[in-house]
Amino acid sequence: MAVEDRDAAALRECPDVAPLIWLRKAGWRFPPLSQDGGVFGYRLWPEEWADSIRVRSATDCLAIRINPVGAVVWERAGSLADVVEGLLGLPSPDAPGAPCLVRGSAPDRW
């Protein structure tokens, strides 16, 4: 079955997957594994930057961009549609205005 046919079949069964198809068409990869029953995808950039998405449901998603040392410089959580919209609007890491400052975090425990 051709990719376009699989996409059409998936959309008929579950229209909520449309944003994942948009990401795949934008160069994202989705390995054939699941994490806790969800979906994981990633996009690698030159110079070892990476974007990733974890989808547990249409309303529980998280996406991040990490720099070459693995620190988070961008993050969005929310619905699949909102998170994918953020990812598709995110400039490439080398573009002017792209996020590059490491996001701070508090310690897990005192």
PDB file of N, CA and C in Angstrom:
ATOM      1  N   MET A   1       0.847  -1.168   0.000  1.00  0.00           N
ATOM      2  CA  MET A   1       0.000   0.000   0.000  1.00  0.00           C
ATOM      3  C   MET A   1       0.902   1.243   0.000  1.00  0.00           C
ATOM      4  N   ALA A   2       0.625   2.190  -0.864  1.00  0.00           N
ATOM      5  CA  ALA A   2       1.398   3.422  -0.966  1.00  0.00           C
ATOM      6  C   ALA A   2       1.196   4.282   0.278  1.00  0.00           C
ATOM      7  N   VAL A   3       2.166   5.139   0.544  1.00  0.00           N
ATOM      8  CA  VAL A   3       2.106   6.003   1.721  1.00  0.00           C
ATOM      9  C   VAL A   3       0.842   6.852   1.708  1.00  0.00           C
ATOM     10  N   GLU A   4       0.504   7.437   0.575  1.00  0.00           N
ATOM     11  CA  GLU A   4      -0.696   8.279   0.498  1.00  0.00           C
ATOM     12  C   GLU A   4      -1.956   7.473   0.814  1.00  0.00           C
ATOM     13  N   ASP A   5      -2.007   6.221   0.366  1.00  0.00           N
ATOM     14  CA  ASP A   5      -3.157   5.364   0.670  1.00  0.00           C
ATOM     15  C   ASP A   5      -3.230   5.058   2.168  1.00  0.00           C
ATOM     16  N   ARG A   6      -2.066   4.804   2.772  1.00  0.00           N
ATOM     17  CA  ARG A   6      -2.034   4.549   4.222  1.00  0.00           C
ATOM     18  C   ARG A   6      -2.473   5.787   4.993  1.00  0.00           C
ATOM     19  N   ASP A   7      -2.018   6.963   4.539  1.00  0.00           N
ATOM     20  CA  ASP A   7      -2.426   8.209   5.198  1.00  0.00           C
ATOM     21  C   ASP A   7      -3.937   8.382   5.126  1.00  0.00           C
ATOM     22  N   ALA A   8      -4.505   8.165   3.951  1.00  0.00           N
ATOM     23  CA  ALA A   8      -5.954   8.323   3.777  1.00  0.00           C
ATOM     24  C   ALA A   8      -6.711   7.338   4.664  1.00  0.00           C
ATOM     25  N   ALA A   9      -6.224   6.095   4.728  1.00  0.00           N
ATOM     26  CA  ALA A   9      -6.878   5.091   5.567  1.00  0.00           C
ATOM     27  C   ALA A   9      -6.782   5.485   7.044  1.00  0.00           C
ATOM     28  N   ALA A  10      -5.612   5.973   7.463  1.00  0.00           N
ATOM     29  CA  ALA A  10      -5.440   6.390   8.856  1.00  0.00           C
ATOM     30  C   ALA A  10      -6.366   7.554   9.193  1.00  0.00           C
ATOM     31  N   LEU A  11      -6.493   8.505   8.280  1.00  0.00           N
ATOM     32  CA  LEU A  11      -7.361   9.659   8.523  1.00  0.00           C
ATOM     33  C   LEU A  11      -8.829   9.262   8.599  1.00  0.00           C
ATOM     34  N   ARG A  12      -9.218   8.268   7.810  1.00  0.00           N
ATOM     35  CA  ARG A  12     -10.602   7.781   7.891  1.00  0.00           C
ATOM     36  C   ARG A  12     -10.870   7.151   9.250  1.00  0.00           C
ATOM     37  N   GLU A  13      -9.905   6.396   9.742  1.00  0.00           N
ATOM     38  CA  GLU A  13     -10.063   5.710  11.025  1.00  0.00           C
ATOM     39  C   GLU A  13      -9.950   6.664  12.212  1.00  0.00           C
ATOM     40  N   CYS A  14      -9.048   7.629  12.109  1.00  0.00           N
ATOM     41  CA  CYS A  14      -8.778   8.524  13.245  1.00  0.00           C
ATOM     42  C   CYS A  14      -8.301   9.881  12.728  1.00  0.00           C
ATOM     43  N   PRO A  15      -9.215  10.810  12.509  1.00  0.00           N
ATOM     44  CA  PRO A  15      -8.833  12.124  11.976  1.00  0.00           C
ATOM     45  C   PRO A  15      -7.822  12.875  12.847  1.00  0.00           C
ATOM     46  N   ASP A  16      -7.730  12.515  14.125  1.00  0.00           N
ATOM     47  CA  ASP A  16      -6.788  13.196  15.022  1.00  0.00           C
ATOM     48  C   ASP A  16      -5.328  12.998  14.622  1.00  0.00           C
ATOM     49  N   VAL A  17      -5.023  12.018  13.771  1.00  0.00           N
ATOM     50  CA  VAL A  17      -3.627  11.770  13.398  1.00  0.00           C
ATOM     51  C   VAL A  17      -3.116  12.726  12.326  1.00  0.00           C
ATOM     52  N   ALA A  18      -3.953  13.577  11.783  1.00  0.00           N
ATOM     53  CA  ALA A  18      -3.536  14.493  10.709  1.00  0.00           C
ATOM     54  C   ALA A  18      -2.267  15.272  11.059  1.00  0.00           C
ATOM     55  N   PRO A  19      -2.140  15.843  12.268  1.00  0.00           N
ATOM     56  CA  PRO A  19      -0.906  16.579  12.569  1.00  0.00           C
ATOM     57  C   PRO A  19       0.358  15.718  12.500  1.00  0.00           C
ATOM     58  N   LEU A  20       0.250  14.439  12.825  1.00  0.00           N
ATOM     59  CA  LEU A  20       1.421  13.559  12.720  1.00  0.00           C
ATOM     60  C   LEU A  20       1.807  13.348  11.261  1.00  0.00           C
ATOM     61  N   ILE A  21       0.824  13.288  10.391  1.00  0.00           N
ATOM     62  CA  ILE A  21       1.101  13.160   8.958  1.00  0.00           C
ATOM     63  C   ILE A  21       1.800  14.418   8.457  1.00  0.00           C
ATOM     64  N   TRP A  22       1.361  15.587   8.935  1.00  0.00           N
ATOM     65  CA  TRP A  22       2.029  16.836   8.538  1.00  0.00           C
ATOM     66  C   TRP A  22       3.496  16.814   8.964  1.00  0.00           C
ATOM     67  N   LEU A  23       3.770  16.338  10.180  1.00  0.00           N
ATOM     68  CA  LEU A  23       5.157  16.266  10.635  1.00  0.00           C
ATOM     69  C   LEU A  23       5.969  15.304   9.773  1.00  0.00           C
ATOM     70  N   ARG A  24       5.410  14.137   9.487  1.00  0.00           N
ATOM     71  CA  ARG A  24       6.146  13.167   8.663  1.00  0.00           C
ATOM     72  C   ARG A  24       6.487  13.769   7.306  1.00  0.00           C
ATOM     73  N   LYS A  25       5.538  14.502   6.726  1.00  0.00           N
ATOM     74  CA  LYS A  25       5.784  15.135   5.423  1.00  0.00           C
ATOM     75  C   LYS A  25       6.827  16.248   5.522  1.00  0.00           C
ATOM     76  N   ALA A  26       7.045  16.774   6.727  1.00  0.00           N
ATOM     77  CA  ALA A  26       8.056  17.811   6.952  1.00  0.00           C
ATOM     78  C   ALA A  26       9.417  17.213   7.319  1.00  0.00           C
ATOM     79  N   GLY A  27       9.558  15.896   7.208  1.00  0.00           N
ATOM     80  CA  GLY A  27      10.847  15.264   7.438  1.00  0.00           C
ATOM     81  C   GLY A  27      11.021  14.581   8.780  1.00  0.00           C
ATOM     82  N   TRP A  28       9.966  14.497   9.556  1.00  0.00           N
ATOM     83  CA  TRP A  28      10.044  13.829  10.848  1.00  0.00           C
ATOM     84  C   TRP A  28      10.052  12.317  10.675  1.00  0.00           C
ATOM     85  N   ARG A  29      10.635  11.629  11.657  1.00  0.00           N
ATOM     86  CA  ARG A  29      10.670  10.157  11.666  1.00  0.00           C
ATOM     87  C   ARG A  29       9.913   9.657  12.891  1.00  0.00           C
ATOM     88  N   PHE A  30       9.217   8.563  12.689  1.00  0.00           N
ATOM     89  CA  PHE A  30       8.449   7.933  13.762  1.00  0.00           C
ATOM     90  C   PHE A  30       8.839   6.463  13.806  1.00  0.00           C
ATOM     91  N   PRO A  31       9.777   6.105  14.694  1.00  0.00           N
ATOM     92  CA  PRO A  31      10.217   4.711  14.756  1.00  0.00           C
ATOM     93  C   PRO A  31       9.066   3.789  15.155  1.00  0.00           C
ATOM     94  N   PRO A  32       9.129   2.549  14.703  1.00  0.00           N
ATOM     95  CA  PRO A  32       8.045   1.600  14.998  1.00  0.00           C
ATOM     96  C   PRO A  32       8.136   1.058  16.417  1.00  0.00           C
ATOM     97  N   LEU A  33       8.001   1.946  17.361  1.00  0.00           N
ATOM     98  CA  LEU A  33       7.982   1.543  18.762  1.00  0.00           C
ATOM     99  C   LEU A  33       7.004   2.451  19.471  1.00  0.00           C
ATOM    100  N   SER A  34       6.535   2.012  20.593  1.00  0.00           N
ATOM    101  CA  SER A  34       5.656   2.880  21.370  1.00  0.00           C
ATOM    102  C   SER A  34       6.235   2.997  22.763  1.00  0.00           C
ATOM    103  N   GLN A  35       5.986   4.123  23.371  1.00  0.00           N
ATOM    104  CA  GLN A  35       6.424   4.338  24.743  1.00  0.00           C
ATOM    105  C   GLN A  35       5.177   4.542  25.581  1.00  0.00           C
ATOM    106  N   ASP A  36       4.923   3.629  26.460  1.00  0.00           N
ATOM    107  CA  ASP A  36       3.737   3.713  27.317  1.00  0.00           C
ATOM    108  C   ASP A  36       2.460   3.823  26.499  1.00  0.00           C
ATOM    109  N   GLY A  37       2.394   3.121  25.387  1.00  0.00           N
ATOM    110  CA  GLY A  37       1.196   3.144  24.560  1.00  0.00           C
ATOM    111  C   GLY A  37       1.062   4.375  23.694  1.00  0.00           C
ATOM    112  N   GLY A  38       2.068   5.225  23.650  1.00  0.00           N
ATOM    113  CA  GLY A  38       2.003   6.444  22.855  1.00  0.00           C
ATOM    114  C   GLY A  38       2.848   6.357  21.604  1.00  0.00           C
ATOM    115  N   VAL A  39       3.111   7.514  21.049  1.00  0.00           N
ATOM    116  CA  VAL A  39       3.899   7.631  19.824  1.00  0.00           C
ATOM    117  C   VAL A  39       5.061   8.574  20.108  1.00  0.00           C
ATOM    118  N   PHE A  40       6.219   8.257  19.540  1.00  0.00           N
ATOM    119  CA  PHE A  40       7.399   9.099  19.665  1.00  0.00           C
ATOM    120  C   PHE A  40       7.901   9.428  18.277  1.00  0.00           C
ATOM    121  N   GLY A  41       8.280  10.686  18.056  1.00  0.00           N
ATOM    122  CA  GLY A  41       8.846  11.097  16.782  1.00  0.00           C
ATOM    123  C   GLY A  41       9.982  12.076  17.001  1.00  0.00           C
ATOM    124  N   TYR A  42      10.828  12.220  15.972  1.00  0.00           N
ATOM    125  CA  TYR A  42      11.959  13.130  16.092  1.00  0.00           C
ATOM    126  C   TYR A  42      12.353  13.689  14.732  1.00  0.00           C
ATOM    127  N   ARG A  43      13.059  14.802  14.785  1.00  0.00           N
ATOM    128  CA  ARG A  43      13.663  15.397  13.595  1.00  0.00           C
ATOM    129  C   ARG A  43      15.064  15.829  13.989  1.00  0.00           C
ATOM    130  N   LEU A  44      16.056  15.343  13.237  1.00  0.00           N
ATOM    131  CA  LEU A  44      17.442  15.701  13.500  1.00  0.00           C
ATOM    132  C   LEU A  44      17.842  16.865  12.607  1.00  0.00           C
ATOM    133  N   TRP A  45      18.602  17.782  13.174  1.00  0.00           N
ATOM    134  CA  TRP A  45      19.090  18.960  12.459  1.00  0.00           C
ATOM    135  C   TRP A  45      20.606  18.875  12.342  1.00  0.00           C
ATOM    136  N   PRO A  46      21.201  19.640  11.431  1.00  0.00           N
ATOM    137  CA  PRO A  46      22.667  19.680  11.372  1.00  0.00           C
ATOM    138  C   PRO A  46      23.244  20.148  12.707  1.00  0.00           C
ATOM    139  N   GLU A  47      24.467  19.775  12.948  1.00  0.00           N
ATOM    140  CA  GLU A  47      25.206  20.168  14.147  1.00  0.00           C
ATOM    141  C   GLU A  47      24.585  19.626  15.426  1.00  0.00           C
ATOM    142  N   GLU A  48      23.879  18.503  15.304  1.00  0.00           N
ATOM    143  CA  GLU A  48      23.384  17.723  16.439  1.00  0.00           C
ATOM    144  C   GLU A  48      22.275  18.375  17.251  1.00  0.00           C
ATOM    145  N   TRP A  49      21.506  19.281  16.673  1.00  0.00           N
ATOM    146  CA  TRP A  49      20.279  19.763  17.292  1.00  0.00           C
ATOM    147  C   TRP A  49      19.198  18.738  16.990  1.00  0.00           C
ATOM    148  N   ALA A  50      18.175  18.655  17.829  1.00  0.00           N
ATOM    149  CA  ALA A  50      17.091  17.701  17.588  1.00  0.00           C
ATOM    150  C   ALA A  50      15.783  18.217  18.170  1.00  0.00           C
ATOM    151  N   ASP A  51      14.695  17.901  17.477  1.00  0.00           N
ATOM    152  CA  ASP A  51      13.342  18.149  17.963  1.00  0.00           C
ATOM    153  C   ASP A  51      12.708  16.787  18.212  1.00  0.00           C
ATOM    154  N   SER A  52      11.867  16.689  19.222  1.00  0.00           N
ATOM    155  CA  SER A  52      11.165  15.428  19.459  1.00  0.00           C
ATOM    156  C   SER A  52       9.756  15.706  19.959  1.00  0.00           C
ATOM    157  N   ILE A  53       8.896  14.711  19.760  1.00  0.00           N
ATOM    158  CA  ILE A  53       7.510  14.802  20.218  1.00  0.00           C
ATOM    159  C   ILE A  53       7.125  13.477  20.852  1.00  0.00           C
ATOM    160  N   ARG A  54       6.376  13.571  21.949  1.00  0.00           N
ATOM    161  CA  ARG A  54       5.797  12.394  22.596  1.00  0.00           C
ATOM    162  C   ARG A  54       4.292  12.626  22.640  1.00  0.00           C
ATOM    163  N   VAL A  55       3.542  11.668  22.116  1.00  0.00           N
ATOM    164  CA  VAL A  55       2.083  11.787  22.056  1.00  0.00           C
ATOM    165  C   VAL A  55       1.484  10.643  22.858  1.00  0.00           C
ATOM    166  N   ARG A  56       0.755  10.989  23.902  1.00  0.00           N
ATOM    167  CA  ARG A  56       0.028   9.975  24.673  1.00  0.00           C
ATOM    168  C   ARG A  56      -1.424   9.904  24.236  1.00  0.00           C
ATOM    169  N   SER A  57      -1.964  11.052  23.817  1.00  0.00           N
ATOM    170  CA  SER A  57      -3.335  11.121  23.307  1.00  0.00           C
ATOM    171  C   SER A  57      -3.457  12.429  22.532  1.00  0.00           C
ATOM    172  N   ALA A  58      -4.609  12.661  21.940  1.00  0.00           N
ATOM    173  CA  ALA A  58      -4.819  13.899  21.180  1.00  0.00           C
ATOM    174  C   ALA A  58      -4.782  15.132  22.074  1.00  0.00           C
ATOM    175  N   THR A  59      -4.890  14.940  23.381  1.00  0.00           N
ATOM    176  CA  THR A  59      -4.870  16.079  24.304  1.00  0.00           C
ATOM    177  C   THR A  59      -3.667  16.074  25.248  1.00  0.00           C
ATOM    178  N   ASP A  60      -2.760  15.122  25.096  1.00  0.00           N
ATOM    179  CA  ASP A  60      -1.601  15.000  25.981  1.00  0.00           C
ATOM    180  C   ASP A  60      -0.341  14.787  25.156  1.00  0.00           C
ATOM    181  N   CYS A  61       0.300  15.892  24.788  1.00  0.00           N
ATOM    182  CA  CYS A  61       1.502  15.837  23.955  1.00  0.00           C
ATOM    183  C   CYS A  61       2.578  16.743  24.540  1.00  0.00           C
ATOM    184  N   LEU A  62       3.817  16.408  24.239  1.00  0.00           N
ATOM    185  CA  LEU A  62       4.951  17.218  24.652  1.00  0.00           C
ATOM    186  C   LEU A  62       5.963  17.221  23.523  1.00  0.00           C
ATOM    187  N   ALA A  63       6.489  18.400  23.199  1.00  0.00           N
ATOM    188  CA  ALA A  63       7.552  18.517  22.201  1.00  0.00           C
ATOM    189  C   ALA A  63       8.673  19.349  22.794  1.00  0.00           C
ATOM    190  N   ILE A  64       9.903  19.017  22.411  1.00  0.00           N
ATOM    191  CA  ILE A  64      11.065  19.779  22.859  1.00  0.00           C
ATOM    192  C   ILE A  64      12.061  19.920  21.717  1.00  0.00           C
ATOM    193  N   ARG A  65      12.920  20.931  21.841  1.00  0.00           N
ATOM    194  CA  ARG A  65      14.114  21.045  21.001  1.00  0.00           C
ATOM    195  C   ARG A  65      15.293  21.029  21.957  1.00  0.00           C
ATOM    196  N   ILE A  66      16.300  20.229  21.608  1.00  0.00           N
ATOM    197  CA  ILE A  66      17.511  20.182  22.420  1.00  0.00           C
ATOM    198  C   ILE A  66      18.696  20.658  21.592  1.00  0.00           C
ATOM    199  N   ASN A  67      19.665  21.239  22.296  1.00  0.00           N
ATOM    200  CA  ASN A  67      20.880  21.700  21.634  1.00  0.00           C
ATOM    201  C   ASN A  67      21.886  20.550  21.566  1.00  0.00           C
ATOM    202  N   PRO A  68      23.067  20.775  20.993  1.00  0.00           N
ATOM    203  CA  PRO A  68      24.027  19.675  20.838  1.00  0.00           C
ATOM    204  C   PRO A  68      24.493  19.015  22.136  1.00  0.00           C
ATOM    205  N   VAL A  69      24.343  19.679  23.281  1.00  0.00           N
ATOM    206  CA  VAL A  69      24.731  19.041  24.549  1.00  0.00           C
ATOM    207  C   VAL A  69      23.545  18.423  25.272  1.00  0.00           C
ATOM    208  N   GLY A  70      22.370  18.434  24.630  1.00  0.00           N
ATOM    209  CA  GLY A  70      21.196  17.777  25.192  1.00  0.00           C
ATOM    210  C   GLY A  70      20.346  18.635  26.108  1.00  0.00           C
ATOM    211  N   ALA A  71      20.602  19.936  26.154  1.00  0.00           N
ATOM    212  CA  ALA A  71      19.817  20.836  27.002  1.00  0.00           C
ATOM    213  C   ALA A  71      18.593  21.345  26.241  1.00  0.00           C
ATOM    214  N   VAL A  72      17.474  21.461  26.935  1.00  0.00           N
ATOM    215  CA  VAL A  72      16.219  21.904  26.317  1.00  0.00           C
ATOM    216  C   VAL A  72      16.256  23.417  26.099  1.00  0.00           C
ATOM    217  N   VAL A  73      15.986  23.835  24.842  1.00  0.00           N
ATOM    218  CA  VAL A  73      15.933  25.266  24.518  1.00  0.00           C
ATOM    219  C   VAL A  73      14.525  25.706  24.123  1.00  0.00           C
ATOM    220  N   TRP A  74      13.635  24.758  23.893  1.00  0.00           N
ATOM    221  CA  TRP A  74      12.239  25.067  23.540  1.00  0.00           C
ATOM    222  C   TRP A  74      11.382  23.899  23.984  1.00  0.00           C
ATOM    223  N   GLU A  75      10.169  24.206  24.444  1.00  0.00           N
ATOM    224  CA  GLU A  75       9.259  23.161  24.914  1.00  0.00           C
ATOM    225  C   GLU A  75       7.820  23.635  24.742  1.00  0.00           C
ATOM    226  N   ARG A  76       6.962  22.717  24.365  1.00  0.00           N
ATOM    227  CA  ARG A  76       5.526  23.018  24.325  1.00  0.00           C
ATOM    228  C   ARG A  76       4.772  21.752  24.720  1.00  0.00           C
ATOM    229  N   ALA A  77       3.770  21.928  25.573  1.00  0.00           N
ATOM    230  CA  ALA A  77       2.893  20.832  25.980  1.00  0.00           C
ATOM    231  C   ALA A  77       1.466  21.250  25.697  1.00  0.00           C
ATOM    232  N   GLY A  78       0.617  20.263  25.432  1.00  0.00           N
ATOM    233  CA  GLY A  78      -0.792  20.552  25.182  1.00  0.00           C
ATOM    234  C   GLY A  78      -1.396  19.546  24.240  1.00  0.00           C
ATOM    235  N   SER A  79      -2.346  20.016  23.456  1.00  0.00           N
ATOM    236  CA  SER A  79      -3.014  19.123  22.504  1.00  0.00           C
ATOM    237  C   SER A  79      -2.086  18.831  21.327  1.00  0.00           C
ATOM    238  N   LEU A  80      -2.356  17.745  20.634  1.00  0.00           N
ATOM    239  CA  LEU A  80      -1.559  17.377  19.471  1.00  0.00           C
ATOM    240  C   LEU A  80      -1.545  18.506  18.448  1.00  0.00           C
ATOM    241  N   ALA A  81      -2.699  19.076  18.157  1.00  0.00           N
ATOM    242  CA  ALA A  81      -2.772  20.151  17.160  1.00  0.00           C
ATOM    243  C   ALA A  81      -1.939  21.360  17.584  1.00  0.00           C
ATOM    244  N   ASP A  82      -2.026  21.769  18.852  1.00  0.00           N
ATOM    245  CA  ASP A  82      -1.266  22.931  19.327  1.00  0.00           C
ATOM    246  C   ASP A  82       0.236  22.675  19.321  1.00  0.00           C
ATOM    247  N   VAL A  83       0.635  21.498  19.752  1.00  0.00           N
ATOM    248  CA  VAL A  83       2.059  21.170  19.815  1.00  0.00           C
ATOM    249  C   VAL A  83       2.649  21.097  18.409  1.00  0.00           C
ATOM    250  N   VAL A  84       1.951  20.457  17.489  1.00  0.00           N
ATOM    251  CA  VAL A  84       2.453  20.362  16.112  1.00  0.00           C
ATOM    252  C   VAL A  84       2.496  21.745  15.465  1.00  0.00           C
ATOM    253  N   GLU A  85       1.504  22.576  15.733  1.00  0.00           N
ATOM    254  CA  GLU A  85       1.530  23.950  15.208  1.00  0.00           C
ATOM    255  C   GLU A  85       2.794  24.670  15.692  1.00  0.00           C
ATOM    256  N   GLY A  86       3.141  24.490  16.960  1.00  0.00           N
ATOM    257  CA  GLY A  86       4.363  25.087  17.488  1.00  0.00           C
ATOM    258  C   GLY A  86       5.607  24.553  16.813  1.00  0.00           C
ATOM    259  N   LEU A  87       5.657  23.247  16.607  1.00  0.00           N
ATOM    260  CA  LEU A  87       6.817  22.645  15.945  1.00  0.00           C
ATOM    261  C   LEU A  87       6.964  23.130  14.510  1.00  0.00           C
ATOM    262  N   LEU A  88       5.865  23.177  13.779  1.00  0.00           N
ATOM    263  CA  LEU A  88       5.935  23.588  12.377  1.00  0.00           C
ATOM    264  C   LEU A  88       6.272  25.075  12.243  1.00  0.00           C
ATOM    265  N   GLY A  89       5.991  25.863  13.277  1.00  0.00           N
ATOM    266  CA  GLY A  89       6.328  27.279  13.259  1.00  0.00           C
ATOM    267  C   GLY A  89       7.705  27.592  13.821  1.00  0.00           C
ATOM    268  N   LEU A  90       8.377  26.588  14.345  1.00  0.00           N
ATOM    269  CA  LEU A  90       9.689  26.768  14.956  1.00  0.00           C
ATOM    270  C   LEU A  90      10.752  26.917  13.865  1.00  0.00           C
ATOM    271  N   PRO A  91      11.541  28.003  13.892  1.00  0.00           N
ATOM    272  CA  PRO A  91      12.572  28.147  12.864  1.00  0.00           C
ATOM    273  C   PRO A  91      13.683  27.114  13.045  1.00  0.00           C
ATOM    274  N   SER A  92      14.414  26.836  11.983  1.00  0.00           N
ATOM    275  CA  SER A  92      15.544  25.915  12.087  1.00  0.00           C
ATOM    276  C   SER A  92      16.532  26.473  13.108  1.00  0.00           C
ATOM    277  N   PRO A  93      17.312  25.611  13.754  1.00  0.00           N
ATOM    278  CA  PRO A  93      18.194  26.070  14.828  1.00  0.00           C
ATOM    279  C   PRO A  93      19.179  27.166  14.420  1.00  0.00           C
ATOM    280  N   ASP A  94      19.570  27.205  13.147  1.00  0.00           N
ATOM    281  CA  ASP A  94      20.543  28.210  12.712  1.00  0.00           C
ATOM    282  C   ASP A  94      19.892  29.493  12.196  1.00  0.00           C
ATOM    283  N   ALA A  95      18.574  29.570  12.206  1.00  0.00           N
ATOM    284  CA  ALA A  95      17.860  30.754  11.709  1.00  0.00           C
ATOM    285  C   ALA A  95      17.871  31.870  12.758  1.00  0.00           C
ATOM    286  N   PRO A  96      17.897  33.117  12.297  1.00  0.00           N
ATOM    287  CA  PRO A  96      17.787  34.226  13.252  1.00  0.00           C
ATOM    288  C   PRO A  96      16.483  34.109  14.047  1.00  0.00           C
ATOM    289  N   GLY A  97      16.574  34.348  15.325  1.00  0.00           N
ATOM    290  CA  GLY A  97      15.388  34.283  16.173  1.00  0.00           C
ATOM    291  C   GLY A  97      15.041  32.902  16.687  1.00  0.00           C
ATOM    292  N   ALA A  98      15.774  31.879  16.267  1.00  0.00           N
ATOM    293  CA  ALA A  98      15.508  30.526  16.766  1.00  0.00           C
ATOM    294  C   ALA A  98      15.892  30.453  18.240  1.00  0.00           C
ATOM    295  N   PRO A  99      15.138  29.704  19.036  1.00  0.00           N
ATOM    296  CA  PRO A  99      15.489  29.588  20.455  1.00  0.00           C
ATOM    297  C   PRO A  99      16.856  28.936  20.624  1.00  0.00           C
ATOM    298  N   CYS A 100      17.667  29.512  21.503  1.00  0.00           N
ATOM    299  CA  CYS A 100      19.000  28.943  21.729  1.00  0.00           C
ATOM    300  C   CYS A 100      19.405  28.967  23.201  1.00  0.00           C
ATOM    301  N   LEU A 101      18.667  29.704  24.023  1.00  0.00           N
ATOM    302  CA  LEU A 101      18.994  29.755  25.447  1.00  0.00           C
ATOM    303  C   LEU A 101      18.407  28.546  26.164  1.00  0.00           C
ATOM    304  N   VAL A 102      19.199  27.953  27.036  1.00  0.00           N
ATOM    305  CA  VAL A 102      18.757  26.774  27.782  1.00  0.00           C
ATOM    306  C   VAL A 102      17.674  27.191  28.764  1.00  0.00           C
ATOM    307  N   ARG A 103      16.596  26.414  28.764  1.00  0.00           N
ATOM    308  CA  ARG A 103      15.484  26.671  29.687  1.00  0.00           C
ATOM    309  C   ARG A 103      15.897  26.225  31.081  1.00  0.00           C
ATOM    310  N   GLY A 104      15.615  27.046  32.064  1.00  0.00           N
ATOM    311  CA  GLY A 104      15.942  26.709  33.442  1.00  0.00           C
ATOM    312  C   GLY A 104      14.977  25.681  34.002  1.00  0.00           C
ATOM    313  N   SER A 105      15.410  25.010  35.039  1.00  0.00           N
ATOM    314  CA  SER A 105      14.533  24.057  35.720  1.00  0.00           C
ATOM    315  C   SER A 105      14.884  24.048  37.203  1.00  0.00           C
ATOM    316  N   ALA A 106      13.895  23.789  38.004  1.00  0.00           N
ATOM    317  CA  ALA A 106      14.096  23.699  39.447  1.00  0.00           C
ATOM    318  C   ALA A 106      14.539  22.290  39.805  1.00  0.00           C
ATOM    319  N   PRO A 107      15.224  22.132  40.925  1.00  0.00           N
ATOM    320  CA  PRO A 107      15.603  20.779  41.350  1.00  0.00           C
ATOM    321  C   PRO A 107      14.361  19.942  41.644  1.00  0.00           C
ATOM    322  N   ASP A 108      14.490  18.627  41.452  1.00  0.00           N
ATOM    323  CA  ASP A 108      13.371  17.716  41.698  1.00  0.00           C
ATOM    324  C   ASP A 108      12.929  17.738  43.160  1.00  0.00           C
ATOM    325  N   ARG A 109      13.856  17.731  44.060  1.00  0.00           N
ATOM    326  CA  ARG A 109      13.570  17.694  45.500  1.00  0.00           C
ATOM    327  C   ARG A 109      14.512  18.651  46.216  1.00  0.00           C
ATOM    328  N   TRP A 110      14.052  19.135  47.364  1.00  0.00           N
ATOM    329  CA  TRP A 110      14.913  19.999  48.177  1.00  0.00           C
ATOM    330  C   TRP A 110      15.886  19.181  48.937  1.00  0.00           C
TER     331      TRP A 110
END
